[in-house]
Amino acid sequence: MTFPLSRTLSTATASYAGYCFVDPRHLGRMVTTDPVKQADLDVLAHTFGARDFAVSSVVVFGRSPKTITAAMLLRIAFDVADGLILAAETDSDEARTRVLGLAFGWAALNTVALVIDRRRARKGRPSTV
């Protein structure tokens, strides 16, 4: 299997996408203690779920290294953008740190996976997980 680390993380991201539909309020609870604002973020959680599932599917089922790379780069950019956008909506330093840590941490993990997978692919090494 090519790009095994990217595919593994994309499978995890697809699982998170499902969670966004099961408990959309998780996003609001992470960002703010204001119940009205929490409810307003439910639609954003649904949007994240749909987007993350679509992009993850491209990585998991993609055959071309270029396609997988492009989808992973989108995933990373989305995570950084999500962190910045949600951090601006937080109502405490603790929430801001949590939001930025999760979003930027996931972006960093996906970056490392993509770099390793691409290096292995260029060297012609068989990739296994």
C-alpha atoms as a PDB file:
ATOM      1  CA  MET A   1       0.000   0.000   0.000  1.00  0.00           C
ATOM      2  CA  THR A   2       1.330   3.441  -0.863  1.00  0.00           C
ATOM      3  CA  PHE A   3       1.037   6.395   1.520  1.00  0.00           C
ATOM      4  CA  PRO A   4       0.089   4.233   4.525  1.00  0.00           C
ATOM      5  CA  LEU A   5       0.551   6.936   7.148  1.00  0.00           C
ATOM      6  CA  SER A   6      -1.540   9.425   5.201  1.00  0.00           C
ATOM      7  CA  ARG A   7      -4.254   6.821   4.686  1.00  0.00           C
ATOM      8  CA  THR A   8      -4.250   5.901   8.377  1.00  0.00           C
ATOM      9  CA  LEU A   9      -4.624   9.520   9.482  1.00  0.00           C
ATOM     10  CA  SER A  10      -7.307  10.069   6.869  1.00  0.00           C
ATOM     11  CA  THR A  11      -9.217   7.102   8.237  1.00  0.00           C
ATOM     12  CA  ALA A  12      -9.017   8.702  11.679  1.00  0.00           C
ATOM     13  CA  THR A  13     -10.186  12.021  10.218  1.00  0.00           C
ATOM     14  CA  ALA A  14     -13.135  10.258   8.582  1.00  0.00           C
ATOM     15  CA  SER A  15     -14.035   8.868  12.003  1.00  0.00           C
ATOM     16  CA  TYR A  16     -13.979  12.392  13.392  1.00  0.00           C
ATOM     17  CA  ALA A  17     -16.264  13.426  10.533  1.00  0.00           C
ATOM     18  CA  GLY A  18     -18.798  10.891  11.748  1.00  0.00           C
ATOM     19  CA  TYR A  19     -18.480  12.236  15.281  1.00  0.00           C
ATOM     20  CA  CYS A  20     -19.313  15.709  13.950  1.00  0.00           C
ATOM     21  CA  PHE A  21     -22.740  14.390  12.958  1.00  0.00           C
ATOM     22  CA  VAL A  22     -23.323  12.355  16.128  1.00  0.00           C
ATOM     23  CA  ASP A  23     -22.346  15.166  18.534  1.00  0.00           C
ATOM     24  CA  PRO A  24     -22.079  18.471  16.675  1.00  0.00           C
ATOM     25  CA  ARG A  25     -22.190  20.412  19.950  1.00  0.00           C
ATOM     26  CA  HIS A  26     -18.686  19.139  20.809  1.00  0.00           C
ATOM     27  CA  LEU A  27     -17.259  21.960  18.725  1.00  0.00           C
ATOM     28  CA  GLY A  28     -19.253  24.652  20.511  1.00  0.00           C
ATOM     29  CA  ARG A  29     -18.374  23.224  23.922  1.00  0.00           C
ATOM     30  CA  MET A  30     -14.691  23.362  23.030  1.00  0.00           C
ATOM     31  CA  VAL A  31     -14.886  26.975  21.861  1.00  0.00           C
ATOM     32  CA  THR A  32     -17.189  28.704  24.334  1.00  0.00           C
ATOM     33  CA  THR A  33     -19.275  28.391  27.484  1.00  0.00           C
ATOM     34  CA  ASP A  34     -22.092  30.475  25.953  1.00  0.00           C
ATOM     35  CA  PRO A  35     -24.947  28.043  25.102  1.00  0.00           C
ATOM     36  CA  VAL A  36     -26.317  30.270  22.327  1.00  0.00           C
ATOM     37  CA  LYS A  37     -22.931  30.510  20.645  1.00  0.00           C
ATOM     38  CA  GLN A  38     -22.452  26.751  21.112  1.00  0.00           C
ATOM     39  CA  ALA A  39     -25.673  26.090  19.222  1.00  0.00           C
ATOM     40  CA  ASP A  40     -24.597  28.456  16.460  1.00  0.00           C
ATOM     41  CA  LEU A  41     -21.484  26.316  15.911  1.00  0.00           C
ATOM     42  CA  ASP A  42     -23.474  23.105  15.291  1.00  0.00           C
ATOM     43  CA  VAL A  43     -23.842  23.897  11.596  1.00  0.00           C
ATOM     44  CA  LEU A  44     -20.092  24.457  11.379  1.00  0.00           C
ATOM     45  CA  ALA A  45     -19.502  21.013  12.932  1.00  0.00           C
ATOM     46  CA  HIS A  46     -21.763  19.479  10.286  1.00  0.00           C
ATOM     47  CA  THR A  47     -19.827  21.349   7.594  1.00  0.00           C
ATOM     48  CA  PHE A  48     -16.521  20.083   9.010  1.00  0.00           C
ATOM     49  CA  GLY A  49     -17.928  16.554   9.033  1.00  0.00           C
ATOM     50  CA  ALA A  50     -18.976  16.641   5.392  1.00  0.00           C
ATOM     51  CA  ARG A  51     -15.734  18.263   4.263  1.00  0.00           C
ATOM     52  CA  ASP A  52     -13.479  15.999   6.313  1.00  0.00           C
ATOM     53  CA  PHE A  53     -15.252  12.872   5.109  1.00  0.00           C
ATOM     54  CA  ALA A  54     -14.926  13.926   1.467  1.00  0.00           C
ATOM     55  CA  VAL A  55     -11.232  14.818   1.670  1.00  0.00           C
ATOM     56  CA  SER A  56     -10.428  11.724   3.723  1.00  0.00           C
ATOM     57  CA  SER A  57     -12.175   9.527   1.170  1.00  0.00           C
ATOM     58  CA  VAL A  58      -9.960  10.912  -1.581  1.00  0.00           C
ATOM     59  CA  VAL A  59      -6.866   9.938   0.400  1.00  0.00           C
ATOM     60  CA  VAL A  60      -8.127   6.528   1.513  1.00  0.00           C
ATOM     61  CA  PHE A  61      -9.400   5.465  -1.907  1.00  0.00           C
ATOM     62  CA  GLY A  62      -7.069   7.486  -4.138  1.00  0.00           C
ATOM     63  CA  ARG A  63      -4.627   5.668  -6.372  1.00  0.00           C
ATOM     64  CA  SER A  64      -2.431   8.466  -7.667  1.00  0.00           C
ATOM     65  CA  PRO A  65       0.308   9.873  -5.430  1.00  0.00           C
ATOM     66  CA  LYS A  66      -0.510  13.316  -6.844  1.00  0.00           C
ATOM     67  CA  THR A  67      -4.161  12.998  -5.883  1.00  0.00           C
ATOM     68  CA  ILE A  68      -3.312  11.778  -2.383  1.00  0.00           C
ATOM     69  CA  THR A  69      -0.741  14.538  -1.934  1.00  0.00           C
ATOM     70  CA  ALA A  70      -3.199  17.224  -3.059  1.00  0.00           C
ATOM     71  CA  ALA A  71      -5.890  15.945  -0.689  1.00  0.00           C
ATOM     72  CA  MET A  72      -3.434  15.796   2.208  1.00  0.00           C
ATOM     73  CA  LEU A  73      -2.287  19.349   1.520  1.00  0.00           C
ATOM     74  CA  LEU A  74      -5.922  20.438   1.589  1.00  0.00           C
ATOM     75  CA  ARG A  75      -6.422  18.576   4.877  1.00  0.00           C
ATOM     76  CA  ILE A  76      -3.432  20.397   6.388  1.00  0.00           C
ATOM     77  CA  ALA A  77      -4.583  23.792   5.119  1.00  0.00           C
ATOM     78  CA  PHE A  78      -8.107  23.172   6.429  1.00  0.00           C
ATOM     79  CA  ASP A  79      -6.779  22.296   9.881  1.00  0.00           C
ATOM     80  CA  VAL A  80      -4.676  25.459  10.067  1.00  0.00           C
ATOM     81  CA  ALA A  81      -7.582  27.610   8.855  1.00  0.00           C
ATOM     82  CA  ASP A  82     -10.008  25.912  11.260  1.00  0.00           C
ATOM     83  CA  GLY A  83      -7.685  26.616  14.159  1.00  0.00           C
ATOM     84  CA  LEU A  84      -7.304  30.271  13.295  1.00  0.00           C
ATOM     85  CA  ILE A  85     -11.013  30.815  12.683  1.00  0.00           C
ATOM     86  CA  LEU A  86     -12.163  28.980  15.802  1.00  0.00           C
ATOM     87  CA  ALA A  87      -9.488  30.562  18.012  1.00  0.00           C
ATOM     88  CA  ALA A  88     -10.973  33.965  17.193  1.00  0.00           C
ATOM     89  CA  GLU A  89     -14.338  32.735  18.534  1.00  0.00           C
ATOM     90  CA  THR A  90     -13.091  31.379  21.864  1.00  0.00           C
ATOM     91  CA  ASP A  91     -14.052  33.055  25.110  1.00  0.00           C
ATOM     92  CA  SER A  92     -10.993  32.121  27.183  1.00  0.00           C
ATOM     93  CA  ASP A  93      -7.262  31.644  26.877  1.00  0.00           C
ATOM     94  CA  GLU A  94      -7.717  28.001  27.891  1.00  0.00           C
ATOM     95  CA  ALA A  95     -10.206  27.373  25.070  1.00  0.00           C
ATOM     96  CA  ARG A  96      -7.988  29.203  22.574  1.00  0.00           C
ATOM     97  CA  THR A  97      -4.981  27.105  23.554  1.00  0.00           C
ATOM     98  CA  ARG A  98      -7.032  23.890  23.287  1.00  0.00           C
ATOM     99  CA  VAL A  99      -8.436  24.822  19.856  1.00  0.00           C
ATOM    100  CA  LEU A 100      -5.069  25.873  18.440  1.00  0.00           C
ATOM    101  CA  GLY A 101      -3.296  22.868  19.963  1.00  0.00           C
ATOM    102  CA  LEU A 102      -5.730  20.371  18.468  1.00  0.00           C
ATOM    103  CA  ALA A 103      -5.983  21.985  15.041  1.00  0.00           C
ATOM    104  CA  PHE A 104      -2.292  22.786  14.611  1.00  0.00           C
ATOM    105  CA  GLY A 105      -1.274  19.469  16.178  1.00  0.00           C
ATOM    106  CA  TRP A 106      -3.409  17.526  13.694  1.00  0.00           C
ATOM    107  CA  ALA A 107      -2.032  19.636  10.841  1.00  0.00           C
ATOM    108  CA  ALA A 108       1.525  18.898  12.008  1.00  0.00           C
ATOM    109  CA  LEU A 109       0.837  15.168  12.332  1.00  0.00           C
ATOM    110  CA  ASN A 110      -0.625  15.064   8.820  1.00  0.00           C
ATOM    111  CA  THR A 111       2.374  17.012   7.516  1.00  0.00           C
ATOM    112  CA  VAL A 112       4.818  14.539   9.025  1.00  0.00           C
ATOM    113  CA  ALA A 113       2.825  11.589   7.631  1.00  0.00           C
ATOM    114  CA  LEU A 114       2.765  13.101   4.155  1.00  0.00           C
ATOM    115  CA  VAL A 115       6.487  13.909   4.165  1.00  0.00           C
ATOM    116  CA  ILE A 116       7.402  10.385   5.288  1.00  0.00           C
ATOM    117  CA  ASP A 117       5.045   8.759   2.767  1.00  0.00           C
ATOM    118  CA  ARG A 118       6.353  10.887  -0.096  1.00  0.00           C
ATOM    119  CA  ARG A 119       9.977  10.124   0.800  1.00  0.00           C
ATOM    120  CA  ARG A 120       9.255   6.416   0.913  1.00  0.00           C
ATOM    121  CA  ALA A 121       7.430   6.595  -2.421  1.00  0.00           C
ATOM    122  CA  ARG A 122      10.329   8.445  -4.072  1.00  0.00           C
ATOM    123  CA  LYS A 123      12.824   5.889  -2.835  1.00  0.00           C
ATOM    124  CA  GLY A 124      10.646   3.082  -4.134  1.00  0.00           C
ATOM    125  CA  ARG A 125      10.408   1.482  -0.714  1.00  0.00           C
ATOM    126  CA  PRO A 126       7.471  -0.714  -0.048  1.00  0.00           C
ATOM    127  CA  SER A 127       5.280   0.932   2.553  1.00  0.00           C
ATOM    128  CA  THR A 128       3.615  -1.117   5.213  1.00  0.00           C
ATOM    129  CA  VAL A 129       1.583  -0.333   8.272  1.00  0.00           C
END
